[in-house]
Every structure is written in C-alpha cells, then in structure tokens.
PDB file of N, CA and C in Angstrom:
ATOM      1  N   UNK A   1     -29.493 131.138 109.313  1.00  0.00           N
ATOM      2  CA  UNK A   1     -31.020 131.334 109.514  1.00  0.00           C
ATOM      3  C   UNK A   1     -31.228 132.467 108.772  1.00  0.00           C
ATOM      4  N   UNK A   2     -32.255 132.354 107.821  1.00  0.00           N
ATOM      5  CA  UNK A   2     -32.265 133.718 107.010  1.00  0.00           C
ATOM      6  C   UNK A   2     -33.383 134.861 107.325  1.00  0.00           C
ATOM      7  N   UNK A   3     -33.455 135.663 107.144  1.00  0.00           N
ATOM      8  CA  UNK A   3     -34.133 136.754 107.443  1.00  0.00           C
ATOM      9  C   UNK A   3     -35.753 136.715 107.542  1.00  0.00           C
ATOM     10  N   UNK A   4     -36.038 135.660 106.361  1.00  0.00           N
ATOM     11  CA  UNK A   4     -37.507 135.564 106.060  1.00  0.00           C
ATOM     12  C   UNK A   4     -38.120 134.538 107.074  1.00  0.00           C
ATOM     13  N   UNK A   5     -37.112 133.707 107.446  1.00  0.00           N
ATOM     14  CA  UNK A   5     -37.772 132.413 108.353  1.00  0.00           C
ATOM     15  C   UNK A   5     -37.347 132.861 110.242  1.00  0.00           C
ATOM     16  N   UNK A   6     -36.787 133.913 110.160  1.00  0.00           N
ATOM     17  CA  UNK A   6     -36.408 134.069 111.760  1.00  0.00           C
ATOM     18  C   UNK A   6     -37.903 134.005 112.485  1.00  0.00           C
ATOM     19  N   UNK A   7     -38.686 134.557 112.257  1.00  0.00           N
ATOM     20  CA  UNK A   7     -40.290 134.632 113.101  1.00  0.00           C
ATOM     21  C   UNK A   7     -40.993 133.467 112.943  1.00  0.00           C
ATOM     22  N   UNK A   8     -40.951 132.752 112.082  1.00  0.00           N
ATOM     23  CA  UNK A   8     -41.884 131.507 111.965  1.00  0.00           C
ATOM     24  C   UNK A   8     -41.631 130.719 113.174  1.00  0.00           C
ATOM     25  N   UNK A   9     -40.857 130.774 113.957  1.00  0.00           N
ATOM     26  CA  UNK A   9     -40.790 129.602 115.152  1.00  0.00           C
ATOM     27  C   UNK A   9     -41.560 130.441 116.094  1.00  0.00           C
ATOM     28  N   UNK A  10     -42.169 131.392 116.328  1.00  0.00           N
ATOM     29  CA  UNK A  10     -42.746 131.981 117.465  1.00  0.00           C
ATOM     30  C   UNK A  10     -44.189 131.700 117.692  1.00  0.00           C
ATOM     31  N   UNK A  11     -44.875 130.751 116.701  1.00  0.00           N
ATOM     32  CA  UNK A  11     -45.893 130.437 116.791  1.00  0.00           C
ATOM     33  C   UNK A  11     -46.073 129.061 118.027  1.00  0.00           C
ATOM     34  N   UNK A  12     -44.933 128.419 117.279  1.00  0.00           N
ATOM     35  CA  UNK A  12     -44.626 127.291 118.035  1.00  0.00           C
ATOM     36  C   UNK A  12     -44.142 127.562 119.630  1.00  0.00           C
ATOM     37  N   UNK A  13     -43.400 128.489 119.810  1.00  0.00           N
ATOM     38  CA  UNK A  13     -42.925 128.650 121.121  1.00  0.00           C
ATOM     39  C   UNK A  13     -43.506 129.987 122.110  1.00  0.00           C
ATOM     40  N   UNK A  14     -44.498 130.244 121.785  1.00  0.00           N
ATOM     41  CA  UNK A  14     -45.417 131.324 122.419  1.00  0.00           C
ATOM     42  C   UNK A  14     -45.790 130.606 123.948  1.00  0.00           C
ATOM     43  N   UNK A  15     -46.236 129.153 123.612  1.00  0.00           N
ATOM     44  CA  UNK A  15     -46.505 128.552 125.059  1.00  0.00           C
ATOM     45  C   UNK A  15     -45.608 128.257 125.823  1.00  0.00           C
ATOM     46  N   UNK A  16     -44.226 128.733 125.470  1.00  0.00           N
ATOM     47  CA  UNK A  16     -42.956 128.312 126.145  1.00  0.00           C
ATOM     48  C   UNK A  16     -42.158 129.787 126.402  1.00  0.00           C
ATOM     49  N   UNK A  17     -42.526 130.565 127.145  1.00  0.00           N
ATOM     50  CA  UNK A  17     -41.645 131.937 127.250  1.00  0.00           C
ATOM     51  C   UNK A  17     -40.601 131.467 127.532  1.00  0.00           C
ATOM     52  N   UNK A  18     -40.136 130.750 128.236  1.00  0.00           N
ATOM     53  CA  UNK A  18     -38.638 130.980 128.612  1.00  0.00           C
ATOM     54  C   UNK A  18     -37.611 130.427 127.353  1.00  0.00           C
ATOM     55  N   UNK A  19     -38.087 129.569 126.622  1.00  0.00           N
ATOM     56  CA  UNK A  19     -37.809 128.801 125.748  1.00  0.00           C
ATOM     57  C   UNK A  19     -37.527 130.099 124.456  1.00  0.00           C
ATOM     58  N   UNK A  20     -39.014 130.820 124.316  1.00  0.00           N
ATOM     59  CA  UNK A  20     -39.024 131.674 123.435  1.00  0.00           C
ATOM     60  C   UNK A  20     -37.728 133.055 123.714  1.00  0.00           C
ATOM     61  N   UNK A  21     -37.756 133.361 124.682  1.00  0.00           N
ATOM     62  CA  UNK A  21     -36.701 134.379 125.352  1.00  0.00           C
ATOM     63  C   UNK A  21     -35.561 133.868 124.911  1.00  0.00           C
ATOM     64  N   UNK A  22     -35.043 132.864 124.924  1.00  0.00           N
ATOM     65  CA  UNK A  22     -33.811 132.251 124.900  1.00  0.00           C
ATOM     66  C   UNK A  22     -33.747 132.100 123.143  1.00  0.00           C
ATOM     67  N   UNK A  23     -34.402 131.790 122.555  1.00  0.00           N
ATOM     68  CA  UNK A  23     -34.450 131.630 120.929  1.00  0.00           C
ATOM     69  C   UNK A  23     -34.403 132.960 120.320  1.00  0.00           C
ATOM     70  N   UNK A  24     -35.015 133.899 120.789  1.00  0.00           N
ATOM     71  CA  UNK A  24     -34.860 135.406 120.611  1.00  0.00           C
ATOM     72  C   UNK A  24     -33.324 136.064 121.039  1.00  0.00           C
ATOM     73  N   UNK A  25     -32.901 135.573 121.757  1.00  0.00           N
ATOM     74  CA  UNK A  25     -31.674 135.894 122.155  1.00  0.00           C
ATOM     75  C   UNK A  25     -30.462 135.417 121.238  1.00  0.00           C
ATOM     76  N   UNK A  26     -30.499 134.374 120.929  1.00  0.00           N
ATOM     77  CA  UNK A  26     -29.207 133.784 119.954  1.00  0.00           C
ATOM     78  C   UNK A  26     -29.878 133.620 118.772  1.00  0.00           C
ATOM     79  N   UNK A  27     -30.797 133.972 118.191  1.00  0.00           N
ATOM     80  CA  UNK A  27     -31.419 133.882 116.647  1.00  0.00           C
ATOM     81  C   UNK A  27     -31.693 135.029 115.912  1.00  0.00           C
ATOM     82  N   UNK A  28     -31.901 135.933 116.962  1.00  0.00           N
ATOM     83  CA  UNK A  28     -31.961 137.059 116.155  1.00  0.00           C
ATOM     84  C   UNK A  28     -31.003 137.871 115.438  1.00  0.00           C
ATOM     85  N   UNK A  29     -31.257 138.358 114.199  1.00  0.00           N
ATOM     86  CA  UNK A  29     -30.222 138.689 113.220  1.00  0.00           C
ATOM     87  C   UNK A  29     -29.689 139.947 113.817  1.00  0.00           C
ATOM     88  N   UNK A  30     -28.396 140.265 113.973  1.00  0.00           N
ATOM     89  CA  UNK A  30     -27.667 141.405 114.502  1.00  0.00           C
ATOM     90  C   UNK A  30     -28.189 142.687 113.719  1.00  0.00           C
ATOM     91  N   UNK A  31     -27.532 143.420 114.241  1.00  0.00           N
ATOM     92  CA  UNK A  31     -27.943 145.004 113.629  1.00  0.00           C
ATOM     93  C   UNK A  31     -26.071 145.136 113.092  1.00  0.00           C
ATOM     94  N   UNK A  32     -26.447 145.458 111.747  1.00  0.00           N
ATOM     95  CA  UNK A  32     -25.507 145.819 110.839  1.00  0.00           C
ATOM     96  C   UNK A  32     -24.990 147.136 110.928  1.00  0.00           C
ATOM     97  N   UNK A  33     -23.629 147.694 110.884  1.00  0.00           N
ATOM     98  CA  UNK A  33     -23.471 149.276 111.018  1.00  0.00           C
ATOM     99  C   UNK A  33     -22.705 149.475 109.423  1.00  0.00           C
ATOM    100  N   UNK A  34     -22.282 148.259 108.771  1.00  0.00           N
ATOM    101  CA  UNK A  34     -21.854 148.744 107.421  1.00  0.00           C
ATOM    102  C   UNK A  34     -21.792 147.334 106.549  1.00  0.00           C
ATOM    103  N   UNK A  35     -22.018 147.437 105.397  1.00  0.00           N
ATOM    104  CA  UNK A  35     -21.923 146.412 104.313  1.00  0.00           C
ATOM    105  C   UNK A  35     -23.222 146.427 103.447  1.00  0.00           C
ATOM    106  N   UNK A  36     -23.537 145.550 102.561  1.00  0.00           N
ATOM    107  CA  UNK A  36     -24.924 145.080 101.848  1.00  0.00           C
ATOM    108  C   UNK A  36     -25.973 144.856 102.880  1.00  0.00           C
ATOM    109  N   UNK A  37     -26.152 144.377 103.889  1.00  0.00           N
ATOM    110  CA  UNK A  37     -27.288 143.983 104.561  1.00  0.00           C
ATOM    111  C   UNK A  37     -27.563 145.384 105.660  1.00  0.00           C
ATOM    112  N   UNK A  38     -26.815 146.149 105.604  1.00  0.00           N
ATOM    113  CA  UNK A  38     -27.274 147.367 106.617  1.00  0.00           C
ATOM    114  C   UNK A  38     -28.499 148.350 105.886  1.00  0.00           C
ATOM    115  N   UNK A  39     -28.410 148.323 104.454  1.00  0.00           N
ATOM    116  CA  UNK A  39     -29.375 148.960 103.630  1.00  0.00           C
ATOM    117  C   UNK A  39     -30.462 148.289 103.212  1.00  0.00           C
ATOM    118  N   UNK A  40     -31.630 148.247 103.832  1.00  0.00           N
ATOM    119  CA  UNK A  40     -32.803 147.654 103.125  1.00  0.00           C
ATOM    120  C   UNK A  40     -33.912 148.665 102.423  1.00  0.00           C
ATOM    121  N   UNK A  41     -34.419 147.912 101.532  1.00  0.00           N
ATOM    122  CA  UNK A  41     -35.673 148.778 100.900  1.00  0.00           C
ATOM    123  C   UNK A  41     -36.472 148.979 101.912  1.00  0.00           C
ATOM    124  N   UNK A  42     -37.142 150.166 101.973  1.00  0.00           N
ATOM    125  CA  UNK A  42     -38.295 150.822 102.618  1.00  0.00           C
ATOM    126  C   UNK A  42     -39.786 150.368 102.520  1.00  0.00           C
ATOM    127  N   UNK A  43     -39.501 149.983 101.172  1.00  0.00           N
ATOM    128  CA  UNK A  43     -40.685 149.243 100.655  1.00  0.00           C
ATOM    129  C   UNK A  43     -40.912 147.742 101.063  1.00  0.00           C
ATOM    130  N   UNK A  44     -39.928 146.734 100.377  1.00  0.00           N
ATOM    131  CA  UNK A  44     -39.910 145.615 100.364  1.00  0.00           C
ATOM    132  C   UNK A  44     -39.068 144.982 101.326  1.00  0.00           C
ATOM    133  N   UNK A  45     -38.277 145.417 101.827  1.00  0.00           N
ATOM    134  CA  UNK A  45     -36.847 145.081 102.676  1.00  0.00           C
ATOM    135  C   UNK A  45     -36.029 144.475 102.164  1.00  0.00           C
ATOM    136  N   UNK A  46     -35.633 144.352 100.742  1.00  0.00           N
ATOM    137  CA  UNK A  46     -34.903 143.626  99.977  1.00  0.00           C
ATOM    138  C   UNK A  46     -33.630 144.572 100.211  1.00  0.00           C
ATOM    139  N   UNK A  47     -32.577 143.562 100.048  1.00  0.00           N
ATOM    140  CA  UNK A  47     -31.232 144.147 100.494  1.00  0.00           C
ATOM    141  C   UNK A  47     -30.327 144.504  98.972  1.00  0.00           C
ATOM    142  N   UNK A  48     -30.503 143.680  97.871  1.00  0.00           N
ATOM    143  CA  UNK A  48     -30.154 143.597  96.929  1.00  0.00           C
ATOM    144  C   UNK A  48     -30.643 144.807  95.656  1.00  0.00           C
ATOM    145  N   UNK A  49     -29.786 145.095  94.799  1.00  0.00           N
ATOM    146  CA  UNK A  49     -30.069 146.377  94.009  1.00  0.00           C
ATOM    147  C   UNK A  49     -30.667 147.613  94.616  1.00  0.00           C
ATOM    148  N   UNK A  50     -30.014 148.131  95.531  1.00  0.00           N
ATOM    149  CA  UNK A  50     -30.411 149.352  96.411  1.00  0.00           C
ATOM    150  C   UNK A  50     -30.162 150.547  95.617  1.00  0.00           C
ATOM    151  N   UNK A  51     -31.100 151.543  95.829  1.00  0.00           N
ATOM    152  CA  UNK A  51     -30.900 153.078  95.235  1.00  0.00           C
ATOM    153  C   UNK A  51     -30.844 153.661  96.401  1.00  0.00           C
ATOM    154  N   UNK A  52     -29.549 154.291  97.033  1.00  0.00           N
ATOM    155  CA  UNK A  52     -29.557 155.172  98.233  1.00  0.00           C
ATOM    156  C   UNK A  52     -29.554 156.682  97.667  1.00  0.00           C
ATOM    157  N   UNK A  53     -29.307 156.717  96.357  1.00  0.00           N
ATOM    158  CA  UNK A  53     -29.116 158.097  96.136  1.00  0.00           C
ATOM    159  C   UNK A  53     -30.279 159.235  96.260  1.00  0.00           C
ATOM    160  N   UNK A  54     -30.126 160.323  96.837  1.00  0.00           N
ATOM    161  CA  UNK A  54     -31.063 161.205  97.230  1.00  0.00           C
ATOM    162  C   UNK A  54     -32.110 160.831  98.191  1.00  0.00           C
ATOM    163  N   UNK A  55     -31.344 159.951  99.284  1.00  0.00           N
ATOM    164  CA  UNK A  55     -32.457 159.361 100.031  1.00  0.00           C
ATOM    165  C   UNK A  55     -33.534 158.557  99.911  1.00  0.00           C
ATOM    166  N   UNK A  56     -33.311 157.711  98.814  1.00  0.00           N
ATOM    167  CA  UNK A  56     -34.533 157.177  98.433  1.00  0.00           C
ATOM    168  C   UNK A  56     -34.939 155.790  99.351  1.00  0.00           C
ATOM    169  N   UNK A  57     -33.487 154.962  99.552  1.00  0.00           N
ATOM    170  CA  UNK A  57     -33.473 153.812 100.254  1.00  0.00           C
ATOM    171  C   UNK A  57     -34.445 153.123  99.546  1.00  0.00           C
ATOM    172  N   UNK A  58     -34.456 152.483  98.422  1.00  0.00           N
ATOM    173  CA  UNK A  58     -35.298 151.861  97.888  1.00  0.00           C
ATOM    174  C   UNK A  58     -34.765 150.659  96.901  1.00  0.00           C
ATOM    175  N   UNK A  59     -35.639 149.310  96.758  1.00  0.00           N
ATOM    176  CA  UNK A  59     -34.625 148.591  95.506  1.00  0.00           C
ATOM    177  C   UNK A  59     -34.847 149.171  94.083  1.00  0.00           C
ATOM    178  N   UNK A  60     -34.332 148.371  93.269  1.00  0.00           N
ATOM    179  CA  UNK A  60     -34.541 148.790  92.075  1.00  0.00           C
ATOM    180  C   UNK A  60     -35.863 148.693  91.315  1.00  0.00           C
ATOM    181  N   UNK A  61     -36.279 147.366  91.691  1.00  0.00           N
ATOM    182  CA  UNK A  61     -37.608 147.021  91.455  1.00  0.00           C
ATOM    183  C   UNK A  61     -38.555 148.229  91.606  1.00  0.00           C
ATOM    184  N   UNK A  62     -39.016 148.335  93.085  1.00  0.00           N
ATOM    185  CA  UNK A  62     -39.740 149.532  93.431  1.00  0.00           C
ATOM    186  C   UNK A  62     -39.235 151.074  92.807  1.00  0.00           C
ATOM    187  N   UNK A  63     -38.100 151.209  92.772  1.00  0.00           N
ATOM    188  CA  UNK A  63     -37.530 152.597  92.103  1.00  0.00           C
ATOM    189  C   UNK A  63     -38.370 152.672  90.466  1.00  0.00           C
ATOM    190  N   UNK A  64     -38.041 151.535  89.720  1.00  0.00           N
ATOM    191  CA  UNK A  64     -38.885 151.727  88.647  1.00  0.00           C
ATOM    192  C   UNK A  64     -40.278 151.919  88.625  1.00  0.00           C
ATOM    193  N   UNK A  65     -40.997 151.083  89.442  1.00  0.00           N
ATOM    194  CA  UNK A  65     -42.461 151.659  89.375  1.00  0.00           C
ATOM    195  C   UNK A  65     -42.872 152.757  89.605  1.00  0.00           C
ATOM    196  N   UNK A  66     -42.232 153.532  90.607  1.00  0.00           N
ATOM    197  CA  UNK A  66     -42.409 154.873  91.117  1.00  0.00           C
ATOM    198  C   UNK A  66     -41.448 155.745  90.511  1.00  0.00           C
ATOM    199  N   UNK A  67     -40.592 155.948  89.858  1.00  0.00           N
ATOM    200  CA  UNK A  67     -39.615 156.611  89.157  1.00  0.00           C
ATOM    201  C   UNK A  67     -40.577 157.842  88.462  1.00  0.00           C
ATOM    202  N   UNK A  68     -41.529 157.674  87.692  1.00  0.00           N
ATOM    203  CA  UNK A  68     -42.111 158.793  87.109  1.00  0.00           C
ATOM    204  C   UNK A  68     -42.992 159.778  87.882  1.00  0.00           C
ATOM    205  N   UNK A  69     -43.359 159.181  89.094  1.00  0.00           N
ATOM    206  CA  UNK A  69     -44.198 159.596  89.883  1.00  0.00           C
ATOM    207  C   UNK A  69     -43.210 160.887  90.870  1.00  0.00           C
ATOM    208  N   UNK A  70     -41.881 160.522  90.774  1.00  0.00           N
ATOM    209  CA  UNK A  70     -40.912 161.372  91.738  1.00  0.00           C
ATOM    210  C   UNK A  70     -40.501 162.278  90.404  1.00  0.00           C
ATOM    211  N   UNK A  71     -40.455 162.335  89.580  1.00  0.00           N
ATOM    212  CA  UNK A  71     -40.280 163.188  88.603  1.00  0.00           C
ATOM    213  C   UNK A  71     -39.158 162.674  87.697  1.00  0.00           C
ATOM    214  N   UNK A  72     -38.627 161.434  87.794  1.00  0.00           N
ATOM    215  CA  UNK A  72     -37.383 161.059  86.835  1.00  0.00           C
ATOM    216  C   UNK A  72     -37.552 160.765  85.518  1.00  0.00           C
ATOM    217  N   UNK A  73     -37.014 160.960  84.580  1.00  0.00           N
ATOM    218  CA  UNK A  73     -37.300 160.510  83.361  1.00  0.00           C
ATOM    219  C   UNK A  73     -36.322 159.599  82.562  1.00  0.00           C
ATOM    220  N   UNK A  74     -36.796 158.848  81.823  1.00  0.00           N
ATOM    221  CA  UNK A  74     -35.930 157.716  81.106  1.00  0.00           C
ATOM    222  C   UNK A  74     -35.331 158.282  79.828  1.00  0.00           C
ATOM    223  N   UNK A  75     -34.182 158.328  79.729  1.00  0.00           N
ATOM    224  CA  UNK A  75     -33.471 158.771  78.624  1.00  0.00           C
ATOM    225  C   UNK A  75     -32.834 157.265  78.064  1.00  0.00           C
ATOM    226  N   UNK A  76     -33.295 157.244  76.765  1.00  0.00           N
ATOM    227  CA  UNK A  76     -32.703 156.255  75.650  1.00  0.00           C
ATOM    228  C   UNK A  76     -33.660 155.678  75.109  1.00  0.00           C
TER     229      UNK A  76
END
C-alpha cells in the first residue's frame, strides 16, 4: 500500500470503528529511522530529489521555485 492511498479507506470504515482500528493498526506506514523514505519534503511530501542541506528539507522542484527568495544564485 502506498503513502497516498492509505487514508482513502477511512471514509468507508467510519461506520465500523472496530474494523477501522484494526485497519489503522496493520496498514499504517511505519516510521522510518533511516533511508530514503525517512526524509520528506516539508511542502509537498515527496521523498525523491530531496535537498537537505542547510536544513531546507524540500524536494528539488520546490527548491527551484523559491531559491531566489532564499538568496541562492544560479551560476552558468
């Protein structure tokens, strides 16, 4: 089960609290202590193309859109 569709079943299981509790227990994504999936973009939630330098913690697409506001300059 992927990260995006984990909570889609909540709408159907809302009327059955016991089944919902069991679903959350067994299907929730586990917390990662290391690896690619442990760092997510703070804006979009993506795991790929992560820029973590200087504590930015965002994906490269969002970094490109706000880099000039942060004071970065493009050379080349």
